[in-house]
């Protein structure tokens, strides 16, 4: 059962539910709706409400409402709630800040504290010589810095964030098509790839321009991506390394599996992003360990409770090339 709790009250028995998270987004997204006879109200939710979302009594997200919609006709009323977790302020707001000589973890802490977003630092981070943002989304600046460090910044159930590495832990479950996987898609998202990656930066300490480049030989036409080195100097790695990382990350992410699994749990609990799972699909020659990059819990009157998992090789989050394996070698697949 899915329920929301706020101000000492709780509401359950929602007819349609979607609770989604991604390692590429700083906030979880929640949509709940129900239709009942008669008229109704907005349940007491306001712009300032902070609510907990629970599945079978387990906290999965802490949210503020984005949109509350009520529809009424002669026979019934329905209410739907679109909401996101507390880190949405980092996504929506425009802000200016300049920091120097701090570790990335401290920068994340300072920006999160401004917006009252809880944060856990679970990784060692390097010093960022110069971090600056001018009238821009804090989320964009943070995501760029975090990716340049091969780290992740993703949502937690308390509505906050965790700065961590892609997990190297053992798979939490094995999913076999025909037994656990109801449906799967094999996705090649070519739009994620570019022919040439150019990274331009500046070494403030030595007063020198920096640049780096990498090519994706699998793209045979001119499709460039130019990247500004985020004013971090060389503290998070040189421009050549950043260009290679961007290419390899996109190569890995461009090939993924979308899985549909019945229910919301495995033997160890609820499905979660940044955990690994073994996937076996004999007809595709797939038998390997993948990292869960996106996860959505859904519920409706027709399909029941379903978990949608988007999985890819861990290298997609490290920017490293996958060696070997029919569906794992980004180097081989880039030449197709």
Protein backbone atom coordinates (compact mmCIF):
# COMPACT_ATOMS: atom_id res chain seq x y z
CA UNK A 1 0.00 0.00 0.00
CA UNK A 2 1.15 3.56 -0.77
CA UNK A 3 0.34 6.35 1.64
CA UNK A 4 1.41 9.93 2.32
CA UNK A 5 1.80 11.35 5.81
CA UNK A 6 1.90 15.01 6.83
CA UNK A 7 0.74 17.19 9.71
CA UNK A 8 -0.17 14.13 11.75
CA UNK A 9 -2.54 12.67 9.16
CA UNK A 10 -2.18 9.97 6.52
CA UNK A 11 -3.87 9.22 3.20
CA UNK A 12 -3.69 5.84 1.48
CA UNK A 13 -5.51 3.67 -1.07
CA UNK A 14 -4.31 5.65 -4.11
CA UNK A 15 -5.53 4.18 -7.40
CA UNK A 16 -2.63 5.37 -9.54
CA UNK A 17 0.93 5.76 -8.29
CA UNK A 18 4.29 6.64 -9.79
CA UNK A 19 7.42 7.12 -7.68
CA UNK A 20 10.55 7.52 -9.77
CA UNK A 21 14.23 8.20 -9.10
CA UNK A 22 17.33 8.47 -11.25
CA UNK A 23 21.02 8.78 -10.52
CA UNK A 24 21.02 11.66 -13.01
CA UNK A 25 18.36 13.71 -11.18
CA UNK A 26 18.70 15.37 -7.80
CA UNK A 27 15.07 14.91 -6.84
CA UNK A 28 12.58 12.08 -6.90
CA UNK A 29 9.27 12.56 -8.72
CA UNK A 30 5.95 11.41 -7.29
CA UNK A 31 2.47 11.31 -8.84
CA UNK A 32 -0.59 10.10 -6.94
CA UNK A 33 -4.25 10.13 -7.96
CA UNK A 34 -7.59 8.78 -6.81
CA UNK A 35 -11.22 9.14 -7.95
CA UNK A 36 -14.14 8.89 -5.52
CA UNK A 37 -17.89 9.60 -5.47
CA UNK A 38 -19.14 13.02 -4.44
CA UNK A 39 -17.09 16.17 -3.93
CA UNK A 40 -13.79 16.66 -2.17
CA UNK A 41 -10.98 19.00 -1.21
CA UNK A 42 -7.21 19.32 -1.58
CA UNK A 43 -6.50 17.16 1.51
CA UNK A 44 -5.00 20.15 3.31
CA UNK A 45 -1.82 20.23 1.22
CA UNK A 46 -0.28 23.66 0.68
CA UNK A 47 2.81 25.13 -0.97
CA UNK A 48 4.64 24.72 2.36
CA UNK A 49 3.62 21.12 3.10
CA UNK A 50 6.36 18.54 3.54
CA UNK A 51 4.95 15.02 3.21
CA UNK A 52 6.41 11.54 3.54
CA UNK A 53 5.64 8.89 0.93
CA UNK A 54 5.65 5.31 2.21
CA UNK A 55 5.28 1.95 0.50
CA UNK A 56 4.17 -0.83 2.83
CA UNK A 57 5.33 1.32 5.75
CA UNK A 58 8.80 1.97 4.28
CA UNK A 59 9.78 5.58 3.60
CA UNK A 60 10.64 6.05 -0.09
CA UNK A 61 10.58 9.84 -0.47
CA UNK A 62 9.99 13.13 1.31
CA UNK A 63 8.27 15.66 -0.93
CA UNK A 64 6.75 19.07 -1.47
CA UNK A 65 3.78 19.37 -3.84
CA UNK A 66 4.34 20.92 -7.27
CA UNK A 67 0.79 20.70 -8.63
CA UNK A 68 -2.51 19.71 -7.02
CA UNK A 69 -5.34 19.16 -9.48
CA UNK A 70 -8.98 18.49 -8.56
CA UNK A 71 -11.54 17.46 -11.18
CA UNK A 72 -15.24 17.34 -10.34
CA UNK A 73 -18.29 16.19 -12.30
CA UNK A 74 -21.86 15.27 -11.38
CA UNK A 75 -20.91 11.80 -10.15
CA UNK A 76 -17.39 11.94 -8.77
CA UNK A 77 -14.30 13.94 -7.96
CA UNK A 78 -10.68 13.12 -8.49
CA UNK A 79 -7.52 14.52 -7.02
CA UNK A 80 -4.00 14.17 -8.40
CA UNK A 81 -0.77 15.30 -6.81
CA UNK A 82 2.50 15.94 -8.63
CA UNK A 83 5.39 16.38 -6.23
CA UNK A 84 9.17 16.18 -5.96
CA UNK A 85 11.60 15.58 -3.14
CA UNK A 86 13.21 18.42 -1.18
CA UNK A 87 16.18 18.84 -3.53
CA UNK A 88 13.82 20.28 -6.16
CA UNK A 89 14.88 23.77 -5.00
CA UNK A 90 18.38 23.07 -6.30
CA UNK A 91 16.82 22.30 -9.69
CA UNK A 92 14.28 25.13 -9.94
CA UNK A 93 16.03 28.08 -8.33
CA UNK A 94 18.57 30.43 -9.91
CA UNK A 95 21.43 31.31 -7.60
CA UNK A 96 24.90 32.83 -7.55
CA UNK A 97 27.86 31.60 -5.51
CA UNK A 98 31.65 31.60 -5.71
CA UNK A 99 33.82 29.30 -3.58
CA UNK A 100 37.56 28.66 -3.69
CA UNK A 101 39.88 26.01 -2.34
CA UNK A 102 37.20 23.72 -0.90
CA UNK A 103 36.70 20.01 -1.35
CA UNK A 104 33.78 19.06 -3.55
CA UNK A 105 32.01 17.49 -0.56
CA UNK A 106 32.16 20.78 1.34
CA UNK A 107 30.81 22.67 -1.68
CA UNK A 108 27.87 20.26 -1.87
CA UNK A 109 27.24 20.70 1.87
CA UNK A 110 27.28 24.49 1.66
CA UNK A 111 24.88 24.70 -1.28
CA UNK A 112 22.51 22.14 0.22
CA UNK A 113 22.48 23.99 3.55
CA UNK A 114 21.35 27.20 1.83
CA UNK A 115 18.21 25.40 0.60
CA UNK A 116 17.75 23.24 3.72
CA UNK A 117 18.36 20.03 1.79
CA UNK A 118 19.78 17.18 3.93
CA UNK A 119 22.96 15.70 2.46
CA UNK A 120 25.22 12.74 3.22
CA UNK A 121 28.82 12.77 2.00
CA UNK A 122 29.86 9.15 1.48
CA UNK A 123 32.93 9.60 -0.72
CA UNK A 124 36.36 11.18 -0.55
CA UNK A 125 36.47 14.27 -2.74
CA UNK A 126 39.21 16.41 -4.23
CA UNK A 127 39.77 20.12 -3.76
CA UNK A 128 38.06 22.31 -6.34
CA UNK A 129 40.32 25.37 -6.83
CA UNK A 130 37.53 27.58 -8.16
CA UNK A 131 33.79 26.89 -8.13
CA UNK A 132 31.51 29.62 -9.42
CA UNK A 133 27.93 29.93 -10.59
CA UNK A 134 26.19 33.08 -11.71
CA UNK A 135 22.37 33.26 -11.86
CA UNK A 136 22.10 29.57 -12.69
CA UNK A 137 20.60 26.38 -11.37
CA UNK A 138 22.66 24.94 -8.49
CA UNK A 139 21.77 21.47 -9.78
CA UNK A 140 23.58 22.03 -13.09
CA UNK A 141 26.75 23.26 -11.41
CA UNK A 142 26.75 20.44 -8.87
CA UNK A 143 26.02 17.70 -11.39
CA UNK A 144 28.85 18.89 -13.66
CA UNK A 145 31.32 18.94 -10.77
CA UNK A 146 30.18 15.57 -9.44
CA UNK A 147 30.39 13.87 -12.84
CA UNK A 148 33.88 15.26 -13.40
CA UNK A 149 34.85 13.39 -10.22
CA UNK A 150 33.19 10.14 -11.37
CA UNK A 151 30.81 10.36 -8.43
CA UNK A 152 27.02 10.41 -8.04
CA UNK A 153 24.68 12.82 -6.30
CA UNK A 154 21.24 11.27 -6.05
CA UNK A 155 18.06 11.31 -3.90
CA UNK A 156 17.53 9.68 -0.52
CA UNK A 157 14.21 8.75 1.12
CA UNK A 158 14.50 11.70 3.55
CA UNK A 159 14.20 14.06 0.57
CA UNK A 160 17.89 14.89 0.66
CA UNK A 161 20.93 13.75 -1.30
CA UNK A 162 23.90 11.44 -1.04
CA UNK A 163 27.27 12.11 -2.66
CA UNK A 164 28.78 8.69 -3.31
CA UNK A 165 30.59 6.44 -5.76
CA UNK A 166 28.83 4.03 -8.14
CA UNK A 167 28.33 0.94 -6.02
CA UNK A 168 30.64 -2.02 -6.40
CA UNK A 169 28.56 -4.19 -4.06
CA UNK A 170 27.31 -7.62 -5.06
CA UNK A 171 24.00 -7.85 -6.98
CA UNK A 172 20.93 -7.61 -4.75
CA UNK A 173 19.02 -10.05 -6.96
CA UNK A 174 19.06 -12.08 -10.17
CA UNK A 175 16.40 -11.30 -12.75
CA UNK A 176 15.64 -13.87 -15.45
CA UNK A 177 13.39 -13.20 -18.39
CA UNK A 178 10.39 -15.51 -18.21
CA UNK A 179 10.66 -15.85 -14.43
CA UNK A 180 11.08 -12.36 -12.98
CA UNK A 181 11.19 -9.98 -15.93
CA UNK A 182 7.74 -9.36 -17.39
CA UNK A 183 8.99 -7.31 -20.32
CA UNK A 184 12.26 -5.82 -21.52
CA UNK A 185 13.53 -3.28 -24.04
CA UNK A 186 17.03 -3.23 -25.47
CA UNK A 187 17.73 0.45 -26.11
CA UNK A 188 20.40 1.99 -28.33
CA UNK A 189 20.06 5.74 -27.81
CA UNK A 190 22.30 7.12 -30.53
CA UNK A 191 21.39 10.74 -29.78
CA UNK A 192 23.53 10.54 -26.64
CA UNK A 193 26.68 10.14 -28.74
CA UNK A 194 28.81 12.72 -30.55
CA UNK A 195 31.62 12.45 -33.08
CA UNK A 196 34.03 14.78 -31.28
CA UNK A 197 34.34 15.91 -27.68
CA UNK A 198 36.24 19.11 -26.96
CA UNK A 199 36.82 20.30 -23.41
CA UNK A 200 38.15 23.79 -22.82
CA UNK A 201 39.34 25.00 -19.46
CA UNK A 202 41.70 27.41 -17.75
CA UNK A 203 44.55 26.85 -15.32
CA UNK A 204 44.19 29.88 -13.04
CA UNK A 205 47.29 29.01 -11.04
CA UNK A 206 49.55 29.02 -14.09
CA UNK A 207 47.48 31.49 -16.16
CA UNK A 208 47.20 29.09 -19.10
CA UNK A 209 44.42 27.88 -21.38
CA UNK A 210 43.68 24.15 -21.35
CA UNK A 211 42.02 21.88 -23.87
CA UNK A 212 41.37 18.22 -24.46
CA UNK A 213 39.73 16.08 -27.12
CA UNK A 214 38.32 12.62 -27.77
CA UNK A 215 36.57 10.97 -30.73
CA UNK A 216 33.79 8.42 -31.04
CA UNK A 217 34.77 6.47 -34.15
CA UNK A 218 31.29 4.96 -34.34
CA UNK A 219 29.79 8.31 -35.41
CA UNK A 220 30.84 8.82 -39.03
CA UNK A 221 29.52 12.36 -39.49
CA UNK A 222 30.31 15.71 -37.86
CA UNK A 223 28.42 15.95 -34.57
CA UNK A 224 30.59 17.86 -32.08
CA UNK A 225 30.17 18.60 -28.39
CA UNK A 226 32.11 21.46 -26.85
CA UNK A 227 32.33 21.51 -23.06
CA UNK A 228 33.53 24.27 -20.76
CA UNK A 229 35.80 22.88 -18.04
CA UNK A 230 33.51 24.27 -15.31
CA UNK A 231 36.16 26.59 -13.90
CA UNK A 232 37.61 23.80 -11.80
CA UNK A 233 41.15 24.09 -13.21
CA UNK A 234 42.98 20.78 -12.98
CA UNK A 235 41.81 19.90 -9.49
CA UNK A 236 39.37 17.28 -10.81
CA UNK A 237 41.50 16.02 -13.70
CA UNK A 238 42.84 17.35 -16.96
CA UNK A 239 40.81 18.27 -20.01
CA UNK A 240 41.92 15.18 -21.96
CA UNK A 241 40.70 12.96 -19.15
CA UNK A 242 37.40 14.85 -19.01
CA UNK A 243 36.89 14.47 -22.77
CA UNK A 244 37.60 10.73 -22.62
CA UNK A 245 35.31 10.35 -19.63
CA UNK A 246 32.47 12.16 -21.39
CA UNK A 247 32.86 9.99 -24.49
CA UNK A 248 33.07 6.72 -22.58
CA UNK A 249 30.19 7.60 -20.28
CA UNK A 250 27.95 8.41 -23.22
CA UNK A 251 29.01 5.27 -25.08
CA UNK A 252 28.05 3.15 -22.10
CA UNK A 253 24.79 4.97 -21.39
CA UNK A 254 23.72 4.86 -25.03
CA UNK A 255 23.18 1.11 -24.69
CA UNK A 256 20.91 0.03 -21.84
CA UNK A 257 18.15 -2.35 -20.79
CA UNK A 258 14.70 -1.25 -19.64
CA UNK A 259 13.10 -3.95 -17.50
CA UNK A 260 9.57 -4.36 -16.20
CA UNK A 261 9.32 -6.44 -13.04
CA UNK A 262 6.17 -7.47 -11.17
CA UNK A 263 6.00 -6.04 -7.65
CA UNK A 264 8.12 -3.44 -5.88
CA UNK A 265 10.49 -5.61 -3.87
CA UNK A 266 13.22 -8.22 -4.06
CA UNK A 267 14.27 -10.53 -1.24
CA UNK A 268 16.26 -7.74 0.42
CA UNK A 269 13.66 -4.98 0.22
CA UNK A 270 12.49 -2.30 -2.20
CA UNK A 271 14.29 -1.84 -5.49
CA UNK A 272 16.71 1.11 -5.32
CA UNK A 273 18.94 3.11 -7.64
CA UNK A 274 22.73 2.70 -7.38
CA UNK A 275 22.41 -0.99 -6.59
CA UNK A 276 23.48 -3.82 -8.85
CA UNK A 277 21.43 -6.66 -10.27
CA UNK A 278 22.28 -9.70 -12.37
CA UNK A 279 20.21 -9.87 -15.56
CA UNK A 280 19.77 -13.03 -17.62
CA UNK A 281 18.01 -12.87 -21.00
CA UNK A 282 19.08 -16.00 -22.93
CA UNK A 283 17.60 -14.93 -26.28
CA UNK A 284 19.75 -11.78 -26.26
CA UNK A 285 22.90 -13.51 -25.03
CA UNK A 286 22.74 -11.39 -21.89
CA UNK A 287 24.06 -12.68 -18.58
CA UNK A 288 25.78 -9.96 -16.61
CA UNK A 289 25.75 -7.55 -13.72
CA UNK A 290 24.18 -4.15 -14.29
CA UNK A 291 23.74 -1.04 -12.16
CA UNK A 292 20.24 0.36 -11.64
CA UNK A 293 20.32 3.92 -12.94
CA UNK A 294 16.60 4.64 -12.86
CA UNK A 295 13.73 3.09 -10.94
CA UNK A 296 10.00 3.77 -11.00
CA UNK A 297 7.32 2.18 -8.84
CA UNK A 298 3.96 2.28 -10.60
CA UNK A 299 0.45 1.18 -9.68
CA UNK A 300 -2.80 1.25 -11.62
CA UNK A 301 -6.06 -0.65 -11.78
CA UNK A 302 -4.97 -2.68 -14.82
CA UNK A 303 -1.34 -3.60 -14.31
CA UNK A 304 -1.13 -3.72 -10.53
CA UNK A 305 2.19 -2.93 -8.86
CA UNK A 306 5.11 -2.81 -11.29
CA UNK A 307 8.75 -1.74 -10.99
CA UNK A 308 10.43 -0.31 -14.06
CA UNK A 309 14.21 -0.54 -13.95
CA UNK A 310 16.68 1.09 -16.30
CA UNK A 311 19.98 -0.74 -16.01
CA UNK A 312 23.38 -0.34 -17.62
CA UNK A 313 26.94 -1.32 -16.94
CA UNK A 314 28.61 0.37 -13.98
CA UNK A 315 31.18 1.82 -16.38
CA UNK A 316 28.46 4.16 -17.66
CA UNK A 317 28.80 6.05 -14.40
CA UNK A 318 32.58 5.87 -14.17
CA UNK A 319 33.37 7.00 -17.70
CA UNK A 320 35.44 3.86 -18.28
CA UNK A 321 35.20 1.51 -21.24
CA UNK A 322 33.64 -1.89 -20.68
CA UNK A 323 35.90 -4.73 -21.80
CA UNK A 324 34.39 -7.86 -23.31
CA UNK A 325 30.86 -9.30 -23.28
CA UNK A 326 28.29 -9.31 -26.05
CA UNK A 327 26.29 -6.42 -24.63
CA UNK A 328 28.99 -4.90 -22.47
CA UNK A 329 31.83 -3.79 -24.73
CA UNK A 330 31.40 -0.12 -25.47
CA UNK A 331 34.55 -0.20 -27.57
CA UNK A 332 33.17 -2.90 -29.87
CA UNK A 333 29.69 -1.45 -30.01
CA UNK A 334 31.01 1.98 -30.96
CA UNK A 335 32.31 0.54 -34.25
CA UNK A 336 29.07 -1.00 -35.43
